[in-house]
Each structure stands twice: as C-alpha cells, then as structure tokens.
Amino acid sequence: MSTISIKSEIAGTVWKLEAKPGDTVETDDILIILESMKMEIPVLAPRKGSVAEFRVSEGEPVTEGQVLALFTAG
C-alpha cells in the first residue's frame, strides 16, 4: 500500500468534505469540493483506496499546491 498526497490544483476555499477518514472509495469518487470564483471544483480519488486523513477543514482557504488529504491506495 502506498500513501498519496492529494494537492489542490487551484486557490480557493474548501466548500465541503465528501468523505471521512477511513472511508473506502473508488477511482474518481469525489473526496472534497473546492469553491473558487463561485465555481465548485471536485477533488477526486486518484484510484481505489481509502482516505487516510484530511489536512484541511470546511471553510478553510487553500492555495494551489497545498496538500488537502492523504490517500492510501490499495
């Protein structure tokens, strides 16, 4: 099993966490929804695995390249 850092591709705000740490998800399941310039941008699971931890919380501003979550592939 490998751990993957999931990073933000944009600057914005965490609008909603769609999963919880420990949840098992499939490829392309929505983990987080970011809001930027009144648009909702989904952050997707890169592959089948589980959410190890979130490094952000709802309402928190984020920058491009910031680590949002750790993901365990497997």
PDB file of N, CA and C in Angstrom:
ATOM      1  N   MET A   1       0.846  -1.184   0.000  1.00  0.00           N
ATOM      2  CA  MET A   1       0.000   0.000   0.000  1.00  0.00           C
ATOM      3  C   MET A   1       0.886   1.240   0.000  1.00  0.00           C
ATOM      4  N   SER A   2       0.497   2.195  -0.798  1.00  0.00           N
ATOM      5  CA  SER A   2       1.260   3.433  -0.859  1.00  0.00           C
ATOM      6  C   SER A   2       0.373   4.607  -0.444  1.00  0.00           C
ATOM      7  N   THR A   3       1.003   5.618   0.134  1.00  0.00           N
ATOM      8  CA  THR A   3       0.287   6.823   0.533  1.00  0.00           C
ATOM      9  C   THR A   3       0.512   7.903  -0.507  1.00  0.00           C
ATOM     10  N   ILE A   4      -0.562   8.542  -0.925  1.00  0.00           N
ATOM     11  CA  ILE A   4      -0.528   9.577  -1.952  1.00  0.00           C
ATOM     12  C   ILE A   4      -0.994  10.885  -1.335  1.00  0.00           C
ATOM     13  N   SER A   5      -0.255  11.962  -1.585  1.00  0.00           N
ATOM     14  CA  SER A   5      -0.693  13.300  -1.165  1.00  0.00           C
ATOM     15  C   SER A   5      -1.604  13.859  -2.244  1.00  0.00           C
ATOM     16  N   ILE A   6      -2.785  14.267  -1.846  1.00  0.00           N
ATOM     17  CA  ILE A   6      -3.716  14.889  -2.791  1.00  0.00           C
ATOM     18  C   ILE A   6      -3.615  16.396  -2.607  1.00  0.00           C
ATOM     19  N   LYS A   7      -3.240  17.076  -3.687  1.00  0.00           N
ATOM     20  CA  LYS A   7      -2.977  18.515  -3.624  1.00  0.00           C
ATOM     21  C   LYS A   7      -4.030  19.308  -4.381  1.00  0.00           C
ATOM     22  N   SER A   8      -4.196  20.547  -3.963  1.00  0.00           N
ATOM     23  CA  SER A   8      -5.130  21.452  -4.636  1.00  0.00           C
ATOM     24  C   SER A   8      -4.515  21.937  -5.945  1.00  0.00           C
ATOM     25  N   GLU A   9      -5.319  21.960  -6.987  1.00  0.00           N
ATOM     26  CA  GLU A   9      -4.857  22.480  -8.268  1.00  0.00           C
ATOM     27  C   GLU A   9      -5.190  23.964  -8.425  1.00  0.00           C
ATOM     28  N   ILE A  10      -5.924  24.506  -7.442  1.00  0.00           N
ATOM     29  CA  ILE A  10      -6.351  25.904  -7.508  1.00  0.00           C
ATOM     30  C   ILE A  10      -6.254  26.557  -6.135  1.00  0.00           C
ATOM     31  N   ALA A  11      -6.334  27.873  -6.117  1.00  0.00           N
ATOM     32  CA  ALA A  11      -6.518  28.613  -4.869  1.00  0.00           C
ATOM     33  C   ALA A  11      -8.021  28.794  -4.692  1.00  0.00           C
ATOM     34  N   GLY A  12      -8.498  28.579  -3.498  1.00  0.00           N
ATOM     35  CA  GLY A  12      -9.935  28.707  -3.250  1.00  0.00           C
ATOM     36  C   GLY A  12     -10.248  28.413  -1.796  1.00  0.00           C
ATOM     37  N   THR A  13     -11.440  27.890  -1.568  1.00  0.00           N
ATOM     38  CA  THR A  13     -11.920  27.573  -0.233  1.00  0.00           C
ATOM     39  C   THR A  13     -12.485  26.162  -0.229  1.00  0.00           C
ATOM     40  N   VAL A  14     -12.261  25.441   0.862  1.00  0.00           N
ATOM     41  CA  VAL A  14     -12.860  24.113   1.000  1.00  0.00           C
ATOM     42  C   VAL A  14     -14.339  24.323   1.269  1.00  0.00           C
ATOM     43  N   TRP A  15     -15.176  23.916   0.323  1.00  0.00           N
ATOM     44  CA  TRP A  15     -16.613  24.090   0.475  1.00  0.00           C
ATOM     45  C   TRP A  15     -17.213  22.924   1.245  1.00  0.00           C
ATOM     46  N   LYS A  16     -16.779  21.681   0.894  1.00  0.00           N
ATOM     47  CA  LYS A  16     -17.370  20.518   1.541  1.00  0.00           C
ATOM     48  C   LYS A  16     -16.425  19.327   1.484  1.00  0.00           C
ATOM     49  N   LEU A  17     -16.340  18.591   2.584  1.00  0.00           N
ATOM     50  CA  LEU A  17     -15.632  17.315   2.609  1.00  0.00           C
ATOM     51  C   LEU A  17     -16.676  16.237   2.341  1.00  0.00           C
ATOM     52  N   GLU A  18     -16.496  15.492   1.270  1.00  0.00           N
ATOM     53  CA  GLU A  18     -17.484  14.498   0.844  1.00  0.00           C
ATOM     54  C   GLU A  18     -17.223  13.111   1.414  1.00  0.00           C
ATOM     55  N   ALA A  19     -16.065  12.910   1.992  1.00  0.00           N
ATOM     56  CA  ALA A  19     -15.709  11.606   2.568  1.00  0.00           C
ATOM     57  C   ALA A  19     -15.213  11.841   3.991  1.00  0.00           C
ATOM     58  N   LYS A  20     -14.976  10.737   4.695  1.00  0.00           N
ATOM     59  CA  LYS A  20     -14.436  10.801   6.053  1.00  0.00           C
ATOM     60  C   LYS A  20     -13.164   9.965   6.097  1.00  0.00           C
ATOM     61  N   PRO A  21     -12.229  10.294   6.988  1.00  0.00           N
ATOM     62  CA  PRO A  21     -11.052   9.435   7.126  1.00  0.00           C
ATOM     63  C   PRO A  21     -11.484   7.995   7.405  1.00  0.00           C
ATOM     64  N   GLY A  22     -10.841   7.081   6.702  1.00  0.00           N
ATOM     65  CA  GLY A  22     -11.179   5.664   6.837  1.00  0.00           C
ATOM     66  C   GLY A  22     -12.137   5.158   5.778  1.00  0.00           C
ATOM     67  N   ASP A  23     -12.828   6.079   5.085  1.00  0.00           N
ATOM     68  CA  ASP A  23     -13.751   5.661   4.029  1.00  0.00           C
ATOM     69  C   ASP A  23     -12.994   4.992   2.883  1.00  0.00           C
ATOM     70  N   THR A  24     -13.559   3.915   2.374  1.00  0.00           N
ATOM     71  CA  THR A  24     -13.046   3.261   1.176  1.00  0.00           C
ATOM     72  C   THR A  24     -13.762   3.877  -0.021  1.00  0.00           C
ATOM     73  N   VAL A  25     -12.990   4.271  -1.031  1.00  0.00           N
ATOM     74  CA  VAL A  25     -13.559   4.935  -2.200  1.00  0.00           C
ATOM     75  C   VAL A  25     -13.052   4.277  -3.475  1.00  0.00           C
ATOM     76  N   GLU A  26     -13.755   4.527  -4.549  1.00  0.00           N
ATOM     77  CA  GLU A  26     -13.389   4.041  -5.875  1.00  0.00           C
ATOM     78  C   GLU A  26     -12.707   5.157  -6.659  1.00  0.00           C
ATOM     79  N   THR A  27     -12.046   4.802  -7.740  1.00  0.00           N
ATOM     80  CA  THR A  27     -11.424   5.783  -8.625  1.00  0.00           C
ATOM     81  C   THR A  27     -12.448   6.839  -9.048  1.00  0.00           C
ATOM     82  N   ASP A  28     -12.070   8.090  -8.964  1.00  0.00           N
ATOM     83  CA  ASP A  28     -12.872   9.251  -9.370  1.00  0.00           C
ATOM     84  C   ASP A  28     -14.053   9.561  -8.452  1.00  0.00           C
ATOM     85  N   ASP A  29     -14.164   8.919  -7.286  1.00  0.00           N
ATOM     86  CA  ASP A  29     -15.159   9.361  -6.295  1.00  0.00           C
ATOM     87  C   ASP A  29     -14.750  10.749  -5.802  1.00  0.00           C
ATOM     88  N   ILE A  30     -15.724  11.575  -5.501  1.00  0.00           N
ATOM     89  CA  ILE A  30     -15.442  12.927  -5.014  1.00  0.00           C
ATOM     90  C   ILE A  30     -15.055  12.858  -3.541  1.00  0.00           C
ATOM     91  N   LEU A  31     -13.883  13.434  -3.224  1.00  0.00           N
ATOM     92  CA  LEU A  31     -13.406  13.483  -1.849  1.00  0.00           C
ATOM     93  C   LEU A  31     -13.690  14.839  -1.207  1.00  0.00           C
ATOM     94  N   ILE A  32     -13.455  15.896  -1.972  1.00  0.00           N
ATOM     95  CA  ILE A  32     -13.564  17.272  -1.478  1.00  0.00           C
ATOM     96  C   ILE A  32     -14.156  18.121  -2.597  1.00  0.00           C
ATOM     97  N   ILE A  33     -14.931  19.128  -2.219  1.00  0.00           N
ATOM     98  CA  ILE A  33     -15.382  20.123  -3.191  1.00  0.00           C
ATOM     99  C   ILE A  33     -14.779  21.461  -2.781  1.00  0.00           C
ATOM    100  N   LEU A  34     -14.026  22.045  -3.715  1.00  0.00           N
ATOM    101  CA  LEU A  34     -13.449  23.367  -3.508  1.00  0.00           C
ATOM    102  C   LEU A  34     -14.326  24.396  -4.192  1.00  0.00           C
ATOM    103  N   GLU A  35     -14.291  25.614  -3.686  1.00  0.00           N
ATOM    104  CA  GLU A  35     -15.023  26.718  -4.307  1.00  0.00           C
ATOM    105  C   GLU A  35     -14.004  27.780  -4.688  1.00  0.00           C
ATOM    106  N   SER A  36     -14.091  28.237  -5.922  1.00  0.00           N
ATOM    107  CA  SER A  36     -13.216  29.300  -6.397  1.00  0.00           C
ATOM    108  C   SER A  36     -13.976  30.109  -7.430  1.00  0.00           C
ATOM    109  N   MET A  37     -14.053  31.400  -7.209  1.00  0.00           N
ATOM    110  CA  MET A  37     -14.743  32.312  -8.128  1.00  0.00           C
ATOM    111  C   MET A  37     -16.171  31.842  -8.407  1.00  0.00           C
ATOM    112  N   LYS A  38     -16.862  31.404  -7.346  1.00  0.00           N
ATOM    113  CA  LYS A  38     -18.253  30.958  -7.380  1.00  0.00           C
ATOM    114  C   LYS A  38     -18.462  29.689  -8.208  1.00  0.00           C
ATOM    115  N   MET A  39     -17.383  28.943  -8.434  1.00  0.00           N
ATOM    116  CA  MET A  39     -17.479  27.659  -9.124  1.00  0.00           C
ATOM    117  C   MET A  39     -17.108  26.555  -8.148  1.00  0.00           C
ATOM    118  N   GLU A  40     -17.770  25.417  -8.260  1.00  0.00           N
ATOM    119  CA  GLU A  40     -17.453  24.251  -7.438  1.00  0.00           C
ATOM    120  C   GLU A  40     -16.532  23.331  -8.227  1.00  0.00           C
ATOM    121  N   ILE A  41     -15.389  22.988  -7.627  1.00  0.00           N
ATOM    122  CA  ILE A  41     -14.405  22.149  -8.286  1.00  0.00           C
ATOM    123  C   ILE A  41     -14.216  20.881  -7.453  1.00  0.00           C
ATOM    124  N   PRO A  42     -14.571  19.710  -7.991  1.00  0.00           N
ATOM    125  CA  PRO A  42     -14.405  18.470  -7.229  1.00  0.00           C
ATOM    126  C   PRO A  42     -12.949  18.009  -7.222  1.00  0.00           C
ATOM    127  N   VAL A  43     -12.528  17.471  -6.095  1.00  0.00           N
ATOM    128  CA  VAL A  43     -11.223  16.826  -5.970  1.00  0.00           C
ATOM    129  C   VAL A  43     -11.525  15.328  -5.889  1.00  0.00           C
ATOM    130  N   LEU A  44     -10.986  14.567  -6.836  1.00  0.00           N
ATOM    131  CA  LEU A  44     -11.359  13.167  -6.998  1.00  0.00           C
ATOM    132  C   LEU A  44     -10.318  12.204  -6.442  1.00  0.00           C
ATOM    133  N   ALA A  45     -10.778  11.026  -6.076  1.00  0.00           N
ATOM    134  CA  ALA A  45      -9.869   9.955  -5.651  1.00  0.00           C
ATOM    135  C   ALA A  45      -9.047   9.515  -6.864  1.00  0.00           C
ATOM    136  N   PRO A  46      -7.732   9.432  -6.713  1.00  0.00           N
ATOM    137  CA  PRO A  46      -6.896   9.067  -7.860  1.00  0.00           C
ATOM    138  C   PRO A  46      -7.022   7.605  -8.281  1.00  0.00           C
ATOM    139  N   ARG A  47      -7.439   6.761  -7.345  1.00  0.00           N
ATOM    140  CA  ARG A  47      -7.637   5.329  -7.620  1.00  0.00           C
ATOM    141  C   ARG A  47      -8.399   4.718  -6.456  1.00  0.00           C
ATOM    142  N   LYS A  48      -8.680   3.449  -6.531  1.00  0.00           N
ATOM    143  CA  LYS A  48      -9.375   2.765  -5.439  1.00  0.00           C
ATOM    144  C   LYS A  48      -8.470   2.750  -4.213  1.00  0.00           C
ATOM    145  N   GLY A  49      -9.045   3.028  -3.050  1.00  0.00           N
ATOM    146  CA  GLY A  49      -8.264   3.042  -1.821  1.00  0.00           C
ATOM    147  C   GLY A  49      -9.072   3.634  -0.685  1.00  0.00           C
ATOM    148  N   SER A  50      -8.383   4.271   0.250  1.00  0.00           N
ATOM    149  CA  SER A  50      -9.088   4.869   1.382  1.00  0.00           C
ATOM    150  C   SER A  50      -8.469   6.210   1.767  1.00  0.00           C
ATOM    151  N   VAL A  51      -9.293   7.035   2.393  1.00  0.00           N
ATOM    152  CA  VAL A  51      -8.853   8.341   2.868  1.00  0.00           C
ATOM    153  C   VAL A  51      -8.116   8.116   4.187  1.00  0.00           C
ATOM    154  N   ALA A  52      -6.832   8.462   4.224  1.00  0.00           N
ATOM    155  CA  ALA A  52      -6.050   8.302   5.451  1.00  0.00           C
ATOM    156  C   ALA A  52      -6.337   9.456   6.410  1.00  0.00           C
ATOM    157  N   GLU A  53      -6.290  10.689   5.879  1.00  0.00           N
ATOM    158  CA  GLU A  53      -6.596  11.865   6.697  1.00  0.00           C
ATOM    159  C   GLU A  53      -6.806  13.087   5.815  1.00  0.00           C
ATOM    160  N   PHE A  54      -7.581  14.030   6.325  1.00  0.00           N
ATOM    161  CA  PHE A  54      -7.727  15.327   5.678  1.00  0.00           C
ATOM    162  C   PHE A  54      -6.782  16.294   6.369  1.00  0.00           C
ATOM    163  N   ARG A  55      -6.170  17.165   5.595  1.00  0.00           N
ATOM    164  CA  ARG A  55      -5.281  18.187   6.134  1.00  0.00           C
ATOM    165  C   ARG A  55      -5.941  19.561   6.117  1.00  0.00           C
ATOM    166  N   VAL A  56      -7.227  19.597   5.745  1.00  0.00           N
ATOM    167  CA  VAL A  56      -7.998  20.843   5.690  1.00  0.00           C
ATOM    168  C   VAL A  56      -9.368  20.600   6.300  1.00  0.00           C
ATOM    169  N   SER A  57     -10.087  21.678   6.562  1.00  0.00           N
ATOM    170  CA  SER A  57     -11.454  21.560   7.071  1.00  0.00           C
ATOM    171  C   SER A  57     -12.369  22.467   6.251  1.00  0.00           C
ATOM    172  N   GLU A  58     -13.667  22.233   6.360  1.00  0.00           N
ATOM    173  CA  GLU A  58     -14.637  23.031   5.603  1.00  0.00           C
ATOM    174  C   GLU A  58     -14.506  24.507   5.978  1.00  0.00           C
ATOM    175  N   GLY A  59     -14.552  25.351   4.953  1.00  0.00           N
ATOM    176  CA  GLY A  59     -14.457  26.793   5.134  1.00  0.00           C
ATOM    177  C   GLY A  59     -13.035  27.334   5.122  1.00  0.00           C
ATOM    178  N   GLU A  60     -12.059  26.450   5.095  1.00  0.00           N
ATOM    179  CA  GLU A  60     -10.657  26.869   5.136  1.00  0.00           C
ATOM    180  C   GLU A  60     -10.166  27.289   3.749  1.00  0.00           C
ATOM    181  N   PRO A  61      -9.465  28.426   3.656  1.00  0.00           N
ATOM    182  CA  PRO A  61      -8.867  28.802   2.376  1.00  0.00           C
ATOM    183  C   PRO A  61      -7.676  27.896   2.062  1.00  0.00           C
ATOM    184  N   VAL A  62      -7.470  27.603   0.778  1.00  0.00           N
ATOM    185  CA  VAL A  62      -6.346  26.777   0.343  1.00  0.00           C
ATOM    186  C   VAL A  62      -5.620  27.462  -0.804  1.00  0.00           C
ATOM    187  N   THR A  63      -4.352  27.104  -0.964  1.00  0.00           N
ATOM    188  CA  THR A  63      -3.548  27.641  -2.051  1.00  0.00           C
ATOM    189  C   THR A  63      -3.244  26.540  -3.058  1.00  0.00           C
ATOM    190  N   GLU A  64      -2.878  26.936  -4.243  1.00  0.00           N
ATOM    191  CA  GLU A  64      -2.506  25.975  -5.272  1.00  0.00           C
ATOM    192  C   GLU A  64      -1.296  25.182  -4.793  1.00  0.00           C
ATOM    193  N   GLY A  65      -1.366  23.862  -4.899  1.00  0.00           N
ATOM    194  CA  GLY A  65      -0.280  23.001  -4.493  1.00  0.00           C
ATOM    195  C   GLY A  65      -0.324  22.551  -3.041  1.00  0.00           C
ATOM    196  N   GLN A  66      -1.252  23.098  -2.257  1.00  0.00           N
ATOM    197  CA  GLN A  66      -1.384  22.724  -0.851  1.00  0.00           C
ATOM    198  C   GLN A  66      -1.909  21.291  -0.729  1.00  0.00           C
ATOM    199  N   VAL A  67      -1.358  20.526   0.207  1.00  0.00           N
ATOM    200  CA  VAL A  67      -1.822  19.169   0.442  1.00  0.00           C
ATOM    201  C   VAL A  67      -3.181  19.236   1.154  1.00  0.00           C
ATOM    202  N   LEU A  68      -4.181  18.613   0.540  1.00  0.00           N
ATOM    203  CA  LEU A  68      -5.539  18.605   1.082  1.00  0.00           C
ATOM    204  C   LEU A  68      -5.803  17.357   1.903  1.00  0.00           C
ATOM    205  N   ALA A  69      -5.262  16.229   1.450  1.00  0.00           N
ATOM    206  CA  ALA A  69      -5.546  14.957   2.100  1.00  0.00           C
ATOM    207  C   ALA A  69      -4.441  13.962   1.799  1.00  0.00           C
ATOM    208  N   LEU A  70      -4.386  12.935   2.638  1.00  0.00           N
ATOM    209  CA  LEU A  70      -3.526  11.790   2.381  1.00  0.00           C
ATOM    210  C   LEU A  70      -4.423  10.621   2.043  1.00  0.00           C
ATOM    211  N   PHE A  71      -4.026   9.874   1.027  1.00  0.00           N
ATOM    212  CA  PHE A  71      -4.827   8.806   0.466  1.00  0.00           C
ATOM    213  C   PHE A  71      -3.992   7.540   0.421  1.00  0.00           C
ATOM    214  N   THR A  72      -4.570   6.439   0.854  1.00  0.00           N
ATOM    215  CA  THR A  72      -3.873   5.155   0.813  1.00  0.00           C
ATOM    216  C   THR A  72      -4.445   4.319  -0.326  1.00  0.00           C
ATOM    217  N   ALA A  73      -3.601   4.047  -1.305  1.00  0.00           N
ATOM    218  CA  ALA A  73      -4.021   3.250  -2.455  1.00  0.00           C
ATOM    219  C   ALA A  73      -3.863   1.779  -2.114  1.00  0.00           C
ATOM    220  N   GLY A  74      -4.812   0.999  -2.614  1.00  0.00           N
ATOM    221  CA  GLY A  74      -4.668  -0.411  -2.355  1.00  0.00           C
ATOM    222  C   GLY A  74      -5.884  -1.220  -2.604  1.00  0.00           C
TER     223      GLY A  74
END
